[in-house]
């Protein structure tokens, strides 16, 4: 029995005799490397989303926001959360070009002119309200001139 207790075999020798153990170790190393790469990819993806939203993840005033944000990783969602947290200013309205502004001014003038136009004349009501045939003739002449 003492010979058996004293027997000390090497793990490497055992590993050489068990090819499944070698494959298992290799797969475990690959899995660990893939998990590490996945974490790096997710971190880069998250950082990219913040940059697209206009938030610098390395800026000291944004670090806690970036670290604590757990919403959707879309630039719009991140931007909305940043605006709610008052870390970034809401977008200012886009100013129109000079040509576009001139077109809007012309449209406004036309609309204002349309509002200033007279209401259509109800010729039948005016004729019915006339008190004499001469007045009816005058209304008819006016209507012919207006319809032209």
N, C-alpha and C. Protein backbone atom coordinates (compact mmCIF):
# COMPACT_ATOMS: atom_id res chain seq x y z
N UNK A 1 0.80 -1.18 0.00
CA UNK A 1 0.00 0.00 0.00
C UNK A 1 0.85 1.26 0.00
N UNK A 2 1.93 1.24 0.61
CA UNK A 2 2.75 2.43 0.66
C UNK A 2 3.23 2.82 -0.72
N UNK A 3 3.40 1.86 -1.59
CA UNK A 3 3.82 2.19 -2.94
C UNK A 3 2.72 2.95 -3.69
N UNK A 4 1.49 2.61 -3.43
CA UNK A 4 0.39 3.29 -4.10
C UNK A 4 0.25 4.71 -3.58
N UNK A 5 0.41 4.91 -2.29
CA UNK A 5 0.31 6.24 -1.72
C UNK A 5 1.43 7.14 -2.20
N UNK A 6 2.58 6.58 -2.45
CA UNK A 6 3.73 7.37 -2.87
C UNK A 6 3.67 7.69 -4.37
N UNK A 7 2.82 6.99 -5.07
CA UNK A 7 2.75 7.18 -6.51
C UNK A 7 2.13 8.55 -6.80
N UNK A 8 2.85 9.34 -7.50
CA UNK A 8 2.40 10.68 -7.84
C UNK A 8 2.53 10.84 -9.35
N UNK A 9 1.41 10.89 -10.02
CA UNK A 9 1.46 10.99 -11.49
C UNK A 9 1.28 12.45 -11.89
N UNK A 10 1.79 12.75 -13.05
CA UNK A 10 1.72 14.11 -13.59
C UNK A 10 0.37 14.33 -14.26
N UNK A 11 -0.17 15.53 -14.11
CA UNK A 11 -1.43 15.87 -14.78
C UNK A 11 -1.24 15.91 -16.29
N UNK A 12 -0.06 16.33 -16.73
CA UNK A 12 0.20 16.41 -18.17
C UNK A 12 0.15 15.03 -18.80
N UNK A 13 0.66 14.05 -18.09
CA UNK A 13 0.62 12.69 -18.62
C UNK A 13 -0.82 12.23 -18.77
N UNK A 14 -1.63 12.57 -17.78
CA UNK A 14 -3.03 12.16 -17.82
C UNK A 14 -3.75 12.89 -18.95
N UNK A 15 -3.43 14.18 -19.15
CA UNK A 15 -4.07 14.96 -20.19
C UNK A 15 -3.72 14.41 -21.56
N UNK A 16 -2.52 13.95 -21.73
CA UNK A 16 -2.13 13.38 -23.01
C UNK A 16 -2.92 12.11 -23.31
N UNK A 17 -3.30 11.41 -22.28
CA UNK A 17 -4.04 10.17 -22.47
C UNK A 17 -5.53 10.43 -22.67
N UNK A 18 -6.02 11.64 -22.37
CA UNK A 18 -7.44 11.95 -22.50
C UNK A 18 -7.63 13.11 -23.49
N UNK A 19 -7.86 12.79 -24.75
CA UNK A 19 -7.98 13.85 -25.74
C UNK A 19 -9.21 14.74 -25.52
N UNK A 20 -10.26 14.24 -24.91
CA UNK A 20 -11.45 15.05 -24.65
C UNK A 20 -11.14 16.17 -23.66
N UNK A 21 -10.27 15.87 -22.72
CA UNK A 21 -9.88 16.90 -21.76
C UNK A 21 -9.15 18.03 -22.46
N UNK A 22 -8.30 17.69 -23.42
CA UNK A 22 -7.57 18.71 -24.19
C UNK A 22 -8.54 19.58 -24.99
N UNK A 23 -9.50 18.94 -25.63
CA UNK A 23 -10.49 19.67 -26.41
C UNK A 23 -11.32 20.56 -25.50
N UNK A 24 -11.68 20.05 -24.34
CA UNK A 24 -12.47 20.81 -23.39
C UNK A 24 -11.71 22.05 -22.91
N UNK A 25 -10.43 21.90 -22.61
CA UNK A 25 -9.63 23.04 -22.18
C UNK A 25 -9.52 24.08 -23.28
N UNK A 26 -9.33 23.60 -24.51
CA UNK A 26 -9.22 24.51 -25.64
C UNK A 26 -10.53 25.28 -25.83
N UNK A 27 -11.65 24.59 -25.73
CA UNK A 27 -12.95 25.24 -25.88
C UNK A 27 -13.22 26.24 -24.76
N UNK A 28 -12.79 25.91 -23.55
CA UNK A 28 -12.96 26.83 -22.43
C UNK A 28 -12.17 28.12 -22.65
N UNK A 29 -10.95 27.99 -23.19
CA UNK A 29 -10.14 29.17 -23.48
C UNK A 29 -10.79 30.01 -24.58
N UNK A 30 -11.28 29.35 -25.62
CA UNK A 30 -11.94 30.07 -26.70
C UNK A 30 -13.20 30.78 -26.21
N UNK A 31 -13.95 30.09 -25.35
CA UNK A 31 -15.16 30.69 -24.80
C UNK A 31 -14.83 31.93 -23.97
N UNK A 32 -13.80 31.85 -23.16
CA UNK A 32 -13.40 32.99 -22.35
C UNK A 32 -12.98 34.16 -23.25
N UNK A 33 -12.24 33.86 -24.32
CA UNK A 33 -11.80 34.91 -25.24
C UNK A 33 -13.01 35.53 -25.96
N UNK A 34 -13.97 34.70 -26.36
CA UNK A 34 -15.16 35.20 -27.04
C UNK A 34 -16.02 36.05 -26.10
N UNK A 35 -16.11 35.64 -24.86
CA UNK A 35 -16.87 36.44 -23.90
C UNK A 35 -16.23 37.81 -23.69
N UNK A 36 -14.90 37.81 -23.63
CA UNK A 36 -14.18 39.07 -23.46
C UNK A 36 -14.40 39.97 -24.68
N UNK A 37 -14.31 39.40 -25.88
CA UNK A 37 -14.54 40.17 -27.11
C UNK A 37 -15.97 40.71 -27.16
N UNK A 38 -16.93 39.91 -26.72
CA UNK A 38 -18.32 40.33 -26.72
C UNK A 38 -18.52 41.52 -25.79
N UNK A 39 -17.93 41.47 -24.61
CA UNK A 39 -18.03 42.60 -23.67
C UNK A 39 -17.41 43.86 -24.27
N UNK A 40 -16.26 43.71 -24.94
CA UNK A 40 -15.61 44.85 -25.57
C UNK A 40 -16.49 45.42 -26.69
N UNK A 41 -17.10 44.53 -27.47
CA UNK A 41 -17.98 44.96 -28.55
C UNK A 41 -19.20 45.70 -28.01
N UNK A 42 -19.80 45.18 -26.95
CA UNK A 42 -20.97 45.84 -26.36
C UNK A 42 -20.59 47.21 -25.80
N UNK A 43 -19.42 47.31 -25.19
CA UNK A 43 -18.97 48.59 -24.66
C UNK A 43 -18.73 49.60 -25.79
N UNK A 44 -18.14 49.13 -26.89
CA UNK A 44 -17.89 50.02 -28.03
C UNK A 44 -19.22 50.44 -28.66
N UNK A 45 -20.16 49.51 -28.76
CA UNK A 45 -21.46 49.82 -29.33
C UNK A 45 -22.18 50.86 -28.47
N UNK A 46 -22.11 50.72 -27.17
CA UNK A 46 -22.74 51.65 -26.24
C UNK A 46 -22.10 53.04 -26.36
N UNK A 47 -20.78 53.07 -26.40
CA UNK A 47 -20.07 54.33 -26.53
C UNK A 47 -20.43 55.02 -27.84
N UNK A 48 -20.52 54.25 -28.92
CA UNK A 48 -20.88 54.80 -30.22
C UNK A 48 -22.29 55.41 -30.20
N UNK A 49 -23.21 54.75 -29.52
CA UNK A 49 -24.57 55.27 -29.43
C UNK A 49 -24.59 56.61 -28.70
N UNK A 50 -23.80 56.75 -27.65
CA UNK A 50 -23.74 58.01 -26.91
C UNK A 50 -23.11 59.11 -27.76
N UNK A 51 -22.09 58.75 -28.53
CA UNK A 51 -21.43 59.74 -29.39
C UNK A 51 -22.40 60.21 -30.46
N UNK A 52 -23.16 59.27 -31.05
CA UNK A 52 -24.15 59.66 -32.07
C UNK A 52 -25.22 60.55 -31.48
N UNK A 53 -25.51 60.41 -30.20
CA UNK A 53 -26.52 61.24 -29.55
C UNK A 53 -25.98 62.61 -29.17
N UNK A 54 -24.68 62.83 -29.38
CA UNK A 54 -24.08 64.12 -29.06
C UNK A 54 -23.56 64.23 -27.64
N UNK A 55 -23.32 63.08 -27.02
CA UNK A 55 -22.81 63.06 -25.65
C UNK A 55 -21.43 62.42 -25.66
N UNK A 56 -20.44 63.15 -25.13
CA UNK A 56 -19.09 62.62 -25.08
C UNK A 56 -18.94 61.76 -23.83
N UNK A 57 -18.76 60.44 -23.98
CA UNK A 57 -18.67 59.56 -22.80
C UNK A 57 -17.44 59.83 -21.93
N UNK A 58 -16.45 60.52 -22.49
CA UNK A 58 -15.23 60.80 -21.72
C UNK A 58 -15.30 62.13 -20.98
N UNK A 59 -16.33 62.92 -21.25
CA UNK A 59 -16.50 64.21 -20.58
C UNK A 59 -16.93 63.97 -19.13
N UNK A 60 -16.32 64.67 -18.22
CA UNK A 60 -16.56 64.44 -16.79
C UNK A 60 -18.02 64.67 -16.40
N UNK A 61 -18.68 65.66 -17.02
CA UNK A 61 -20.06 65.95 -16.61
C UNK A 61 -21.05 64.90 -17.12
N UNK A 62 -20.64 64.08 -18.08
CA UNK A 62 -21.52 63.05 -18.62
C UNK A 62 -21.22 61.64 -18.10
N UNK A 63 -20.12 61.46 -17.38
CA UNK A 63 -19.70 60.11 -16.98
C UNK A 63 -20.76 59.37 -16.17
N UNK A 64 -21.37 60.03 -15.21
CA UNK A 64 -22.38 59.35 -14.38
C UNK A 64 -23.63 59.03 -15.19
N UNK A 65 -23.97 59.94 -16.09
CA UNK A 65 -25.13 59.69 -16.95
C UNK A 65 -24.88 58.48 -17.85
N UNK A 66 -23.70 58.43 -18.45
CA UNK A 66 -23.35 57.31 -19.33
C UNK A 66 -23.33 56.01 -18.55
N UNK A 67 -22.76 56.06 -17.36
CA UNK A 67 -22.65 54.85 -16.54
C UNK A 67 -24.02 54.37 -16.05
N UNK A 68 -24.90 55.29 -15.73
CA UNK A 68 -26.18 54.92 -15.15
C UNK A 68 -27.31 54.74 -16.15
N UNK A 69 -27.08 55.11 -17.40
CA UNK A 69 -28.15 55.01 -18.40
C UNK A 69 -28.45 53.55 -18.70
N UNK A 70 -29.75 53.18 -18.63
CA UNK A 70 -30.12 51.78 -18.90
C UNK A 70 -31.27 51.67 -19.89
N UNK A 71 -31.52 52.73 -20.64
CA UNK A 71 -32.60 52.72 -21.63
C UNK A 71 -32.13 52.15 -22.96
N UNK A 72 -32.93 52.43 -23.99
CA UNK A 72 -32.58 51.98 -25.34
C UNK A 72 -31.29 52.63 -25.78
N UNK A 73 -30.50 51.89 -26.54
CA UNK A 73 -29.23 52.42 -27.02
C UNK A 73 -29.38 53.00 -28.43
N UNK A 74 -30.40 53.81 -28.60
CA UNK A 74 -30.56 54.53 -29.86
C UNK A 74 -30.24 56.00 -29.60
N UNK A 75 -29.67 56.68 -30.58
CA UNK A 75 -29.31 58.08 -30.36
C UNK A 75 -30.49 58.95 -29.94
N UNK A 76 -31.66 58.71 -30.52
CA UNK A 76 -32.83 59.52 -30.15
C UNK A 76 -33.23 59.31 -28.69
N UNK A 77 -33.25 58.06 -28.24
CA UNK A 77 -33.63 57.77 -26.86
C UNK A 77 -32.60 58.35 -25.88
N UNK A 78 -31.33 58.24 -26.22
CA UNK A 78 -30.28 58.77 -25.35
C UNK A 78 -30.37 60.30 -25.30
N UNK A 79 -30.60 60.92 -26.47
CA UNK A 79 -30.71 62.38 -26.53
C UNK A 79 -31.89 62.86 -25.68
N UNK A 80 -33.03 62.17 -25.78
CA UNK A 80 -34.21 62.54 -24.98
C UNK A 80 -33.91 62.43 -23.49
N UNK A 81 -33.23 61.36 -23.09
CA UNK A 81 -32.89 61.20 -21.68
C UNK A 81 -31.91 62.28 -21.23
N UNK A 82 -30.98 62.66 -22.10
CA UNK A 82 -30.04 63.74 -21.78
C UNK A 82 -30.73 65.07 -21.64
N UNK A 83 -31.75 65.31 -22.48
CA UNK A 83 -32.51 66.55 -22.37
C UNK A 83 -33.32 66.56 -21.08
N UNK A 84 -33.94 65.41 -20.74
CA UNK A 84 -34.71 65.31 -19.50
C UNK A 84 -33.82 65.54 -18.29
N UNK A 85 -32.58 65.04 -18.35
CA UNK A 85 -31.64 65.21 -17.24
C UNK A 85 -30.98 66.59 -17.26
N UNK A 86 -31.32 67.40 -18.25
CA UNK A 86 -30.80 68.75 -18.43
C UNK A 86 -29.28 68.77 -18.59
N UNK A 87 -28.77 67.71 -19.23
CA UNK A 87 -27.34 67.67 -19.51
C UNK A 87 -27.03 68.26 -20.88
N UNK A 88 -27.99 68.16 -21.78
CA UNK A 88 -27.80 68.75 -23.09
C UNK A 88 -29.01 69.64 -23.39
N UNK A 89 -28.78 70.64 -24.21
CA UNK A 89 -29.84 71.59 -24.55
C UNK A 89 -30.73 70.98 -25.64
N UNK A 90 -32.00 71.28 -25.59
CA UNK A 90 -32.88 70.79 -26.66
C UNK A 90 -32.44 71.40 -27.99
N UNK A 91 -32.70 70.71 -29.09
CA UNK A 91 -32.27 71.24 -30.39
C UNK A 91 -33.01 72.53 -30.72
N UNK A 92 -32.25 73.47 -31.28
CA UNK A 92 -32.87 74.74 -31.66
C UNK A 92 -33.58 74.56 -32.99
N UNK A 93 -34.62 75.33 -33.21
CA UNK A 93 -35.32 75.21 -34.49
C UNK A 93 -34.39 75.54 -35.64
N UNK A 94 -34.57 74.84 -36.73
CA UNK A 94 -33.71 75.02 -37.89
C UNK A 94 -34.11 76.33 -38.58
N UNK A 95 -33.11 77.16 -38.84
CA UNK A 95 -33.40 78.41 -39.52
C UNK A 95 -33.48 78.16 -41.02
N UNK A 96 -34.43 78.81 -41.64
CA UNK A 96 -34.65 78.62 -43.07
C UNK A 96 -33.66 79.46 -43.86
N UNK A 97 -33.37 79.03 -45.07
CA UNK A 97 -32.49 79.80 -45.94
C UNK A 97 -33.21 81.07 -46.38
N UNK A 98 -32.48 81.99 -46.98
CA UNK A 98 -33.06 83.27 -47.39
C UNK A 98 -34.14 83.05 -48.46
N UNK A 99 -33.88 82.13 -49.39
CA UNK A 99 -34.88 81.86 -50.44
C UNK A 99 -36.15 81.28 -49.84
N UNK A 100 -35.98 80.36 -48.93
CA UNK A 100 -37.15 79.74 -48.31
C UNK A 100 -37.93 80.77 -47.48
N UNK A 101 -37.20 81.63 -46.78
CA UNK A 101 -37.85 82.66 -45.99
C UNK A 101 -38.63 83.62 -46.89
N UNK A 102 -38.06 83.97 -48.05
CA UNK A 102 -38.76 84.87 -48.98
C UNK A 102 -40.03 84.20 -49.51
N UNK A 103 -39.95 82.91 -49.79
CA UNK A 103 -41.13 82.19 -50.27
C UNK A 103 -42.22 82.17 -49.22
N UNK A 104 -41.83 81.97 -47.96
CA UNK A 104 -42.83 81.98 -46.88
C UNK A 104 -43.45 83.37 -46.74
N UNK A 105 -42.65 84.41 -46.91
CA UNK A 105 -43.19 85.78 -46.82
C UNK A 105 -44.20 86.04 -47.94
N UNK A 106 -43.89 85.57 -49.17
CA UNK A 106 -44.83 85.74 -50.27
C UNK A 106 -46.13 84.99 -49.99
N UNK A 107 -46.00 83.78 -49.46
CA UNK A 107 -47.19 82.99 -49.13
C UNK A 107 -48.03 83.70 -48.06
N UNK A 108 -47.36 84.29 -47.07
CA UNK A 108 -48.08 85.00 -46.02
C UNK A 108 -48.80 86.23 -46.59
N UNK A 109 -48.15 86.92 -47.54
CA UNK A 109 -48.78 88.09 -48.15
C UNK A 109 -50.01 87.68 -48.95
N UNK A 110 -49.91 86.59 -49.68
CA UNK A 110 -51.05 86.12 -50.46
C UNK A 110 -52.19 85.75 -49.52
N UNK A 111 -51.84 85.06 -48.43
CA UNK A 111 -52.88 84.67 -47.46
C UNK A 111 -53.51 85.90 -46.82
N UNK A 112 -52.72 86.91 -46.54
CA UNK A 112 -53.26 88.13 -45.95
C UNK A 112 -54.15 88.85 -46.94
N UNK A 113 -53.75 88.84 -48.22
CA UNK A 113 -54.57 89.47 -49.25
C UNK A 113 -55.87 88.73 -49.44
N UNK A 114 -55.85 87.42 -49.31
CA UNK A 114 -57.07 86.63 -49.45
C UNK A 114 -58.03 86.94 -48.31
N UNK A 115 -57.51 87.20 -47.15
CA UNK A 115 -58.37 87.53 -46.01
C UNK A 115 -58.98 88.92 -46.16
N UNK A 116 -58.29 89.82 -46.87
CA UNK A 116 -58.76 91.18 -47.02
C UNK A 116 -59.78 91.31 -48.16
N UNK A 117 -59.93 90.31 -48.98
CA UNK A 117 -60.85 90.36 -50.11
C UNK A 117 -62.28 90.47 -49.60
N UNK A 118 -63.09 91.08 -50.45
CA UNK A 118 -64.49 91.28 -50.07
C UNK A 118 -65.25 89.97 -50.18
N UNK A 119 -66.26 89.87 -49.38
CA UNK A 119 -67.11 88.69 -49.43
C UNK A 119 -67.90 88.71 -50.74
N UNK A 120 -68.25 87.56 -51.30
CA UNK A 120 -69.00 87.54 -52.56
C UNK A 120 -70.36 88.23 -52.39
N UNK A 121 -70.74 88.94 -53.42
CA UNK A 121 -72.00 89.69 -53.39
C UNK A 121 -73.15 88.75 -53.74
N UNK A 122 -74.19 88.81 -52.97
CA UNK A 122 -75.40 88.02 -53.24
C UNK A 122 -76.32 88.87 -54.10
N UNK A 123 -76.18 88.73 -55.44
CA UNK A 123 -76.91 89.55 -56.38
C UNK A 123 -78.41 89.32 -56.29
N UNK A 124 -78.81 88.07 -56.09
CA UNK A 124 -80.25 87.78 -56.01
C UNK A 124 -80.89 88.47 -54.82
N UNK A 125 -80.21 88.50 -53.70
CA UNK A 125 -80.75 89.15 -52.51
C UNK A 125 -80.85 90.65 -52.73
N UNK A 126 -79.86 91.23 -53.42
CA UNK A 126 -79.90 92.67 -53.69
C UNK A 126 -81.05 93.02 -54.64
N UNK A 127 -81.26 92.15 -55.64
CA UNK A 127 -82.35 92.41 -56.59
C UNK A 127 -83.70 92.29 -55.89
N UNK A 128 -83.83 91.26 -55.02
CA UNK A 128 -85.08 91.09 -54.28
C UNK A 128 -85.34 92.26 -53.32
N UNK A 129 -84.29 92.88 -52.85
CA UNK A 129 -84.45 93.99 -51.92
C UNK A 129 -84.66 95.32 -52.65
N UNK A 130 -84.51 95.34 -53.95
CA UNK A 130 -84.66 96.59 -54.72
C UNK A 130 -86.11 97.07 -54.65
N UNK A 131 -86.30 98.40 -54.63
CA UNK A 131 -87.63 98.99 -54.48
C UNK A 131 -88.20 99.52 -55.79
N UNK A 132 -87.35 99.63 -56.80
CA UNK A 132 -87.86 100.16 -58.07
C UNK A 132 -87.18 99.45 -59.24
N UNK A 133 -87.82 99.48 -60.40
CA UNK A 133 -87.19 98.87 -61.58
C UNK A 133 -85.87 99.56 -61.94
N UNK A 134 -85.72 100.81 -61.68
CA UNK A 134 -84.47 101.52 -61.98
C UNK A 134 -83.34 100.99 -61.09
N UNK A 135 -83.70 100.73 -59.87
CA UNK A 135 -82.69 100.18 -58.94
C UNK A 135 -82.27 98.79 -59.38
N UNK A 136 -83.22 97.98 -59.88
CA UNK A 136 -82.89 96.64 -60.38
C UNK A 136 -81.96 96.76 -61.57
N UNK A 137 -82.24 97.75 -62.48
CA UNK A 137 -81.37 97.96 -63.64
C UNK A 137 -79.95 98.35 -63.19
N UNK A 138 -79.84 99.17 -62.15
CA UNK A 138 -78.53 99.59 -61.66
C UNK A 138 -77.77 98.41 -61.05
N UNK A 139 -78.47 97.56 -60.35
CA UNK A 139 -77.84 96.36 -59.74
C UNK A 139 -77.37 95.43 -60.85
N UNK A 140 -78.21 95.26 -61.91
CA UNK A 140 -77.83 94.38 -63.01
C UNK A 140 -76.60 94.91 -63.73
N UNK A 141 -76.50 96.19 -63.90
CA UNK A 141 -75.33 96.81 -64.56
C UNK A 141 -74.08 96.60 -63.70
N UNK A 142 -74.24 96.77 -62.43
CA UNK A 142 -73.13 96.57 -61.49
C UNK A 142 -72.65 95.12 -61.53
N UNK A 143 -73.61 94.18 -61.61
CA UNK A 143 -73.27 92.76 -61.64
C UNK A 143 -72.55 92.42 -62.95
N UNK A 144 -73.00 92.98 -64.07
CA UNK A 144 -72.33 92.73 -65.34
C UNK A 144 -70.90 93.25 -65.30
N UNK A 145 -70.69 94.39 -64.72
CA UNK A 145 -69.36 94.99 -64.64
C UNK A 145 -68.45 94.16 -63.72
N UNK A 146 -69.02 93.66 -62.62
CA UNK A 146 -68.21 92.88 -61.67
C UNK A 146 -67.83 91.53 -62.24
N UNK A 147 -68.71 90.90 -62.97
CA UNK A 147 -68.45 89.57 -63.52
C UNK A 147 -67.66 89.66 -64.82
N UNK A 148 -67.64 90.81 -65.39
CA UNK A 148 -66.87 91.21 -66.47
C UNK A 148 -66.69 90.55 -67.69
